[in-house]
Amino acid sequence: MAVPFRRTSKTKKRMRRTHLKKEVGALTTCSKCGATIRPHRACTKCGNYKGKAVLKTENEE
């Protein structure tokens, strides 16, 4: 079994892991109510998608 000859330094280890960080997902605003939503999804506040009502919400009833 292979064993490392030298210990990996903190700098080398962190340089290797720089691409593993989390990124914030894309967010857009609803054109009708202005709520923050993920793109290409119906708004959970007002139930609209691309200007059309697709979900029934408690506010409408």
PDB file of N, CA and C in Angstrom:
ATOM      1  N   MET A   1       0.833  -1.176   0.000  1.00  0.00           N
ATOM      2  CA  MET A   1       0.000   0.000   0.000  1.00  0.00           C
ATOM      3  C   MET A   1       0.882   1.245   0.000  1.00  0.00           C
ATOM      4  N   ALA A   2       0.524   2.212  -0.816  1.00  0.00           N
ATOM      5  CA  ALA A   2       1.335   3.417  -0.937  1.00  0.00           C
ATOM      6  C   ALA A   2       1.117   4.333   0.260  1.00  0.00           C
ATOM      7  N   VAL A   3       2.199   4.934   0.716  1.00  0.00           N
ATOM      8  CA  VAL A   3       2.155   5.861   1.840  1.00  0.00           C
ATOM      9  C   VAL A   3       2.803   7.166   1.394  1.00  0.00           C
ATOM     10  N   PRO A   4       2.192   8.320   1.687  1.00  0.00           N
ATOM     11  CA  PRO A   4       2.802   9.587   1.279  1.00  0.00           C
ATOM     12  C   PRO A   4       4.169   9.781   1.942  1.00  0.00           C
ATOM     13  N   PHE A   5       5.121  10.268   1.163  1.00  0.00           N
ATOM     14  CA  PHE A   5       6.474  10.485   1.684  1.00  0.00           C
ATOM     15  C   PHE A   5       6.493  11.671   2.634  1.00  0.00           C
ATOM     16  N   ARG A   6       5.764  12.742   2.280  1.00  0.00           N
ATOM     17  CA  ARG A   6       5.703  13.932   3.135  1.00  0.00           C
ATOM     18  C   ARG A   6       4.256  14.296   3.414  1.00  0.00           C
ATOM     19  N   ARG A   7       4.069  14.963   4.513  1.00  0.00           N
ATOM     20  CA  ARG A   7       2.741  15.430   4.891  1.00  0.00           C
ATOM     21  C   ARG A   7       2.294  16.553   3.948  1.00  0.00           C
ATOM     22  N   THR A   8       1.017  16.549   3.580  1.00  0.00           N
ATOM     23  CA  THR A   8       0.473  17.604   2.724  1.00  0.00           C
ATOM     24  C   THR A   8       0.257  18.850   3.571  1.00  0.00           C
ATOM     25  N   SER A   9       0.815  19.963   3.127  1.00  0.00           N
ATOM     26  CA  SER A   9       0.706  21.203   3.901  1.00  0.00           C
ATOM     27  C   SER A   9      -0.714  21.752   3.818  1.00  0.00           C
ATOM     28  N   LYS A  10      -1.031  22.659   4.739  1.00  0.00           N
ATOM     29  CA  LYS A  10      -2.349  23.282   4.763  1.00  0.00           C
ATOM     30  C   LYS A  10      -2.611  24.051   3.471  1.00  0.00           C
ATOM     31  N   THR A  11      -1.589  24.719   2.972  1.00  0.00           N
ATOM     32  CA  THR A  11      -1.749  25.513   1.754  1.00  0.00           C
ATOM     33  C   THR A  11      -2.065  24.625   0.557  1.00  0.00           C
ATOM     34  N   LYS A  12      -1.330  23.543   0.394  1.00  0.00           N
ATOM     35  CA  LYS A  12      -1.563  22.622  -0.721  1.00  0.00           C
ATOM     36  C   LYS A  12      -2.957  22.011  -0.638  1.00  0.00           C
ATOM     37  N   LYS A  13      -3.353  21.634   0.566  1.00  0.00           N
ATOM     38  CA  LYS A  13      -4.666  21.021   0.764  1.00  0.00           C
ATOM     39  C   LYS A  13      -5.773  22.017   0.416  1.00  0.00           C
ATOM     40  N   ARG A  14      -5.623  23.257   0.853  1.00  0.00           N
ATOM     41  CA  ARG A  14      -6.640  24.276   0.600  1.00  0.00           C
ATOM     42  C   ARG A  14      -6.671  24.689  -0.858  1.00  0.00           C
ATOM     43  N   MET A  15      -5.516  24.708  -1.531  1.00  0.00           N
ATOM     44  CA  MET A  15      -5.491  25.033  -2.961  1.00  0.00           C
ATOM     45  C   MET A  15      -6.221  23.954  -3.759  1.00  0.00           C
ATOM     46  N   ARG A  16      -6.099  22.716  -3.335  1.00  0.00           N
ATOM     47  CA  ARG A  16      -6.764  21.619  -4.024  1.00  0.00           C
ATOM     48  C   ARG A  16      -8.270  21.700  -3.864  1.00  0.00           C
ATOM     49  N   ARG A  17      -8.732  22.249  -2.737  1.00  0.00           N
ATOM     50  CA  ARG A  17     -10.158  22.277  -2.431  1.00  0.00           C
ATOM     51  C   ARG A  17     -10.843  23.600  -2.764  1.00  0.00           C
ATOM     52  N   THR A  18     -10.196  24.506  -3.455  1.00  0.00           N
ATOM     53  CA  THR A  18     -10.793  25.816  -3.707  1.00  0.00           C
ATOM     54  C   THR A  18     -12.050  25.732  -4.563  1.00  0.00           C
ATOM     55  N   HIS A  19     -12.156  24.768  -5.426  1.00  0.00           N
ATOM     56  CA  HIS A  19     -13.324  24.666  -6.298  1.00  0.00           C
ATOM     57  C   HIS A  19     -14.500  23.946  -5.631  1.00  0.00           C
ATOM     58  N   LEU A  20     -14.342  23.495  -4.393  1.00  0.00           N
ATOM     59  CA  LEU A  20     -15.406  22.766  -3.711  1.00  0.00           C
ATOM     60  C   LEU A  20     -16.343  23.674  -2.921  1.00  0.00           C
ATOM     61  N   LYS A  21     -16.137  24.997  -2.992  1.00  0.00           N
ATOM     62  CA  LYS A  21     -16.957  25.904  -2.204  1.00  0.00           C
ATOM     63  C   LYS A  21     -18.374  25.983  -2.765  1.00  0.00           C
ATOM     64  N   LYS A  22     -19.317  26.315  -1.902  1.00  0.00           N
ATOM     65  CA  LYS A  22     -20.708  26.440  -2.315  1.00  0.00           C
ATOM     66  C   LYS A  22     -20.943  27.794  -2.949  1.00  0.00           C
ATOM     67  N   GLU A  23     -21.853  27.821  -3.908  1.00  0.00           N
ATOM     68  CA  GLU A  23     -22.204  29.069  -4.577  1.00  0.00           C
ATOM     69  C   GLU A  23     -23.674  29.370  -4.326  1.00  0.00           C
ATOM     70  N   VAL A  24     -24.002  30.630  -4.313  1.00  0.00           N
ATOM     71  CA  VAL A  24     -25.384  31.040  -4.130  1.00  0.00           C
ATOM     72  C   VAL A  24     -26.129  30.800  -5.439  1.00  0.00           C
ATOM     73  N   GLY A  25     -27.296  30.172  -5.340  1.00  0.00           N
ATOM     74  CA  GLY A  25     -28.085  29.913  -6.530  1.00  0.00           C
ATOM     75  C   GLY A  25     -28.667  31.186  -7.114  1.00  0.00           C
ATOM     76  N   ALA A  26     -29.061  31.123  -8.375  1.00  0.00           N
ATOM     77  CA  ALA A  26     -29.622  32.282  -9.053  1.00  0.00           C
ATOM     78  C   ALA A  26     -31.023  32.579  -8.518  1.00  0.00           C
ATOM     79  N   LEU A  27     -31.327  33.864  -8.357  1.00  0.00           N
ATOM     80  CA  LEU A  27     -32.633  34.289  -7.884  1.00  0.00           C
ATOM     81  C   LEU A  27     -33.155  35.398  -8.781  1.00  0.00           C
ATOM     82  N   THR A  28     -34.462  35.417  -8.978  1.00  0.00           N
ATOM     83  CA  THR A  28     -35.116  36.480  -9.725  1.00  0.00           C
ATOM     84  C   THR A  28     -36.275  37.011  -8.899  1.00  0.00           C
ATOM     85  N   THR A  29     -36.905  38.063  -9.391  1.00  0.00           N
ATOM     86  CA  THR A  29     -38.063  38.610  -8.691  1.00  0.00           C
ATOM     87  C   THR A  29     -39.322  38.321  -9.500  1.00  0.00           C
ATOM     88  N   CYS A  30     -40.403  38.079  -8.797  1.00  0.00           N
ATOM     89  CA  CYS A  30     -41.694  37.827  -9.438  1.00  0.00           C
ATOM     90  C   CYS A  30     -42.166  39.126 -10.094  1.00  0.00           C
ATOM     91  N   SER A  31     -42.657  39.030 -11.324  1.00  0.00           N
ATOM     92  CA  SER A  31     -43.081  40.233 -12.038  1.00  0.00           C
ATOM     93  C   SER A  31     -44.384  40.805 -11.492  1.00  0.00           C
ATOM     94  N   LYS A  32     -45.166  39.996 -10.798  1.00  0.00           N
ATOM     95  CA  LYS A  32     -46.447  40.473 -10.284  1.00  0.00           C
ATOM     96  C   LYS A  32     -46.353  40.993  -8.852  1.00  0.00           C
ATOM     97  N   CYS A  33     -45.786  40.180  -7.940  1.00  0.00           N
ATOM     98  CA  CYS A  33     -45.769  40.574  -6.527  1.00  0.00           C
ATOM     99  C   CYS A  33     -44.406  41.034  -6.040  1.00  0.00           C
ATOM    100  N   GLY A  34     -43.343  40.774  -6.789  1.00  0.00           N
ATOM    101  CA  GLY A  34     -42.013  41.221  -6.397  1.00  0.00           C
ATOM    102  C   GLY A  34     -41.293  40.301  -5.428  1.00  0.00           C
ATOM    103  N   ALA A  35     -41.829  39.130  -5.164  1.00  0.00           N
ATOM    104  CA  ALA A  35     -41.183  38.177  -4.255  1.00  0.00           C
ATOM    105  C   ALA A  35     -39.948  37.577  -4.924  1.00  0.00           C
ATOM    106  N   THR A  36     -38.977  37.172  -4.135  1.00  0.00           N
ATOM    107  CA  THR A  36     -37.772  36.541  -4.649  1.00  0.00           C
ATOM    108  C   THR A  36     -38.040  35.063  -4.877  1.00  0.00           C
ATOM    109  N   ILE A  37     -37.803  34.606  -6.117  1.00  0.00           N
ATOM    110  CA  ILE A  37     -38.056  33.211  -6.482  1.00  0.00           C
ATOM    111  C   ILE A  37     -36.893  32.689  -7.306  1.00  0.00           C
ATOM    112  N   ARG A  38     -36.802  31.372  -7.428  1.00  0.00           N
ATOM    113  CA  ARG A  38     -35.813  30.762  -8.309  1.00  0.00           C
ATOM    114  C   ARG A  38     -36.330  30.840  -9.738  1.00  0.00           C
ATOM    115  N   PRO A  39     -35.447  30.991 -10.721  1.00  0.00           N
ATOM    116  CA  PRO A  39     -35.900  31.129 -12.097  1.00  0.00           C
ATOM    117  C   PRO A  39     -36.598  29.879 -12.629  1.00  0.00           C
ATOM    118  N   HIS A  40     -37.534  30.068 -13.539  1.00  0.00           N
ATOM    119  CA  HIS A  40     -38.281  29.004 -14.209  1.00  0.00           C
ATOM    120  C   HIS A  40     -39.148  28.198 -13.247  1.00  0.00           C
ATOM    121  N   ARG A  41     -39.658  28.866 -12.209  1.00  0.00           N
ATOM    122  CA  ARG A  41     -40.549  28.220 -11.252  1.00  0.00           C
ATOM    123  C   ARG A  41     -41.697  29.160 -10.938  1.00  0.00           C
ATOM    124  N   ALA A  42     -42.837  28.592 -10.589  1.00  0.00           N
ATOM    125  CA  ALA A  42     -43.996  29.398 -10.232  1.00  0.00           C
ATOM    126  C   ALA A  42     -43.753  30.063  -8.882  1.00  0.00           C
ATOM    127  N   CYS A  43     -44.295  31.261  -8.738  1.00  0.00           N
ATOM    128  CA  CYS A  43     -44.156  32.010  -7.493  1.00  0.00           C
ATOM    129  C   CYS A  43     -45.042  31.366  -6.430  1.00  0.00           C
ATOM    130  N   THR A  44     -44.478  31.141  -5.258  1.00  0.00           N
ATOM    131  CA  THR A  44     -45.253  30.516  -4.190  1.00  0.00           C
ATOM    132  C   THR A  44     -46.132  31.521  -3.464  1.00  0.00           C
ATOM    133  N   LYS A  45     -45.844  32.805  -3.593  1.00  0.00           N
ATOM    134  CA  LYS A  45     -46.635  33.830  -2.911  1.00  0.00           C
ATOM    135  C   LYS A  45     -47.929  34.124  -3.658  1.00  0.00           C
ATOM    136  N   CYS A  46     -47.825  34.367  -4.985  1.00  0.00           N
ATOM    137  CA  CYS A  46     -49.016  34.739  -5.749  1.00  0.00           C
ATOM    138  C   CYS A  46     -49.482  33.643  -6.712  1.00  0.00           C
ATOM    139  N   GLY A  47     -48.648  32.649  -7.000  1.00  0.00           N
ATOM    140  CA  GLY A  47     -49.048  31.531  -7.842  1.00  0.00           C
ATOM    141  C   GLY A  47     -48.945  31.797  -9.327  1.00  0.00           C
ATOM    142  N   ASN A  48     -48.195  32.797  -9.740  1.00  0.00           N
ATOM    143  CA  ASN A  48     -48.070  33.126 -11.160  1.00  0.00           C
ATOM    144  C   ASN A  48     -46.772  32.597 -11.739  1.00  0.00           C
ATOM    145  N   TYR A  49     -46.816  32.303 -13.046  1.00  0.00           N
ATOM    146  CA  TYR A  49     -45.634  31.923 -13.801  1.00  0.00           C
ATOM    147  C   TYR A  49     -45.755  32.561 -15.164  1.00  0.00           C
ATOM    148  N   LYS A  50     -44.802  33.416 -15.507  1.00  0.00           N
ATOM    149  CA  LYS A  50     -44.798  34.161 -16.767  1.00  0.00           C
ATOM    150  C   LYS A  50     -46.089  34.949 -16.967  1.00  0.00           C
ATOM    151  N   GLY A  51     -46.586  35.554 -15.900  1.00  0.00           N
ATOM    152  CA  GLY A  51     -47.767  36.403 -15.998  1.00  0.00           C
ATOM    153  C   GLY A  51     -49.092  35.665 -15.991  1.00  0.00           C
ATOM    154  N   LYS A  52     -49.087  34.362 -15.861  1.00  0.00           N
ATOM    155  CA  LYS A  52     -50.330  33.576 -15.852  1.00  0.00           C
ATOM    156  C   LYS A  52     -50.485  32.886 -14.502  1.00  0.00           C
ATOM    157  N   ALA A  53     -51.721  32.800 -14.027  1.00  0.00           N
ATOM    158  CA  ALA A  53     -51.996  32.126 -12.764  1.00  0.00           C
ATOM    159  C   ALA A  53     -51.972  30.618 -12.985  1.00  0.00           C
ATOM    160  N   VAL A  54     -51.065  29.930 -12.308  1.00  0.00           N
ATOM    161  CA  VAL A  54     -50.947  28.480 -12.464  1.00  0.00           C
ATOM    162  C   VAL A  54     -51.178  27.743 -11.148  1.00  0.00           C
ATOM    163  N   LEU A  55     -51.067  28.434 -10.024  1.00  0.00           N
ATOM    164  CA  LEU A  55     -51.300  27.814  -8.719  1.00  0.00           C
ATOM    165  C   LEU A  55     -52.355  28.583  -7.957  1.00  0.00           C
ATOM    166  N   LYS A  56     -53.156  27.847  -7.199  1.00  0.00           N
ATOM    167  CA  LYS A  56     -54.107  28.517  -6.330  1.00  0.00           C
ATOM    168  C   LYS A  56     -53.438  28.769  -4.984  1.00  0.00           C
ATOM    169  N   THR A  57     -53.540  29.989  -4.517  1.00  0.00           N
ATOM    170  CA  THR A  57     -52.953  30.349  -3.231  1.00  0.00           C
ATOM    171  C   THR A  57     -54.055  30.771  -2.278  1.00  0.00           C
ATOM    172  N   GLU A  58     -53.710  30.885  -1.004  1.00  0.00           N
ATOM    173  CA  GLU A  58     -54.693  31.275  -0.002  1.00  0.00           C
ATOM    174  C   GLU A  58     -55.144  32.722  -0.182  1.00  0.00           C
ATOM    175  N   ASN A  59     -54.296  33.558  -0.750  1.00  0.00           N
ATOM    176  CA  ASN A  59     -54.626  34.961  -0.954  1.00  0.00           C
ATOM    177  C   ASN A  59     -55.759  35.135  -1.961  1.00  0.00           C
ATOM    178  N   GLU A  60     -55.806  34.277  -2.971  1.00  0.00           N
ATOM    179  CA  GLU A  60     -56.819  34.401  -4.024  1.00  0.00           C
ATOM    180  C   GLU A  60     -58.187  33.915  -3.547  1.00  0.00           C
ATOM    181  N   GLU A  61     -58.214  32.939  -2.660  1.00  0.00           N
ATOM    182  CA  GLU A  61     -59.480  32.331  -2.249  1.00  0.00           C
ATOM    183  C   GLU A  61     -60.244  33.152  -1.266  1.00  0.00           C
TER     184      GLU A  61
END
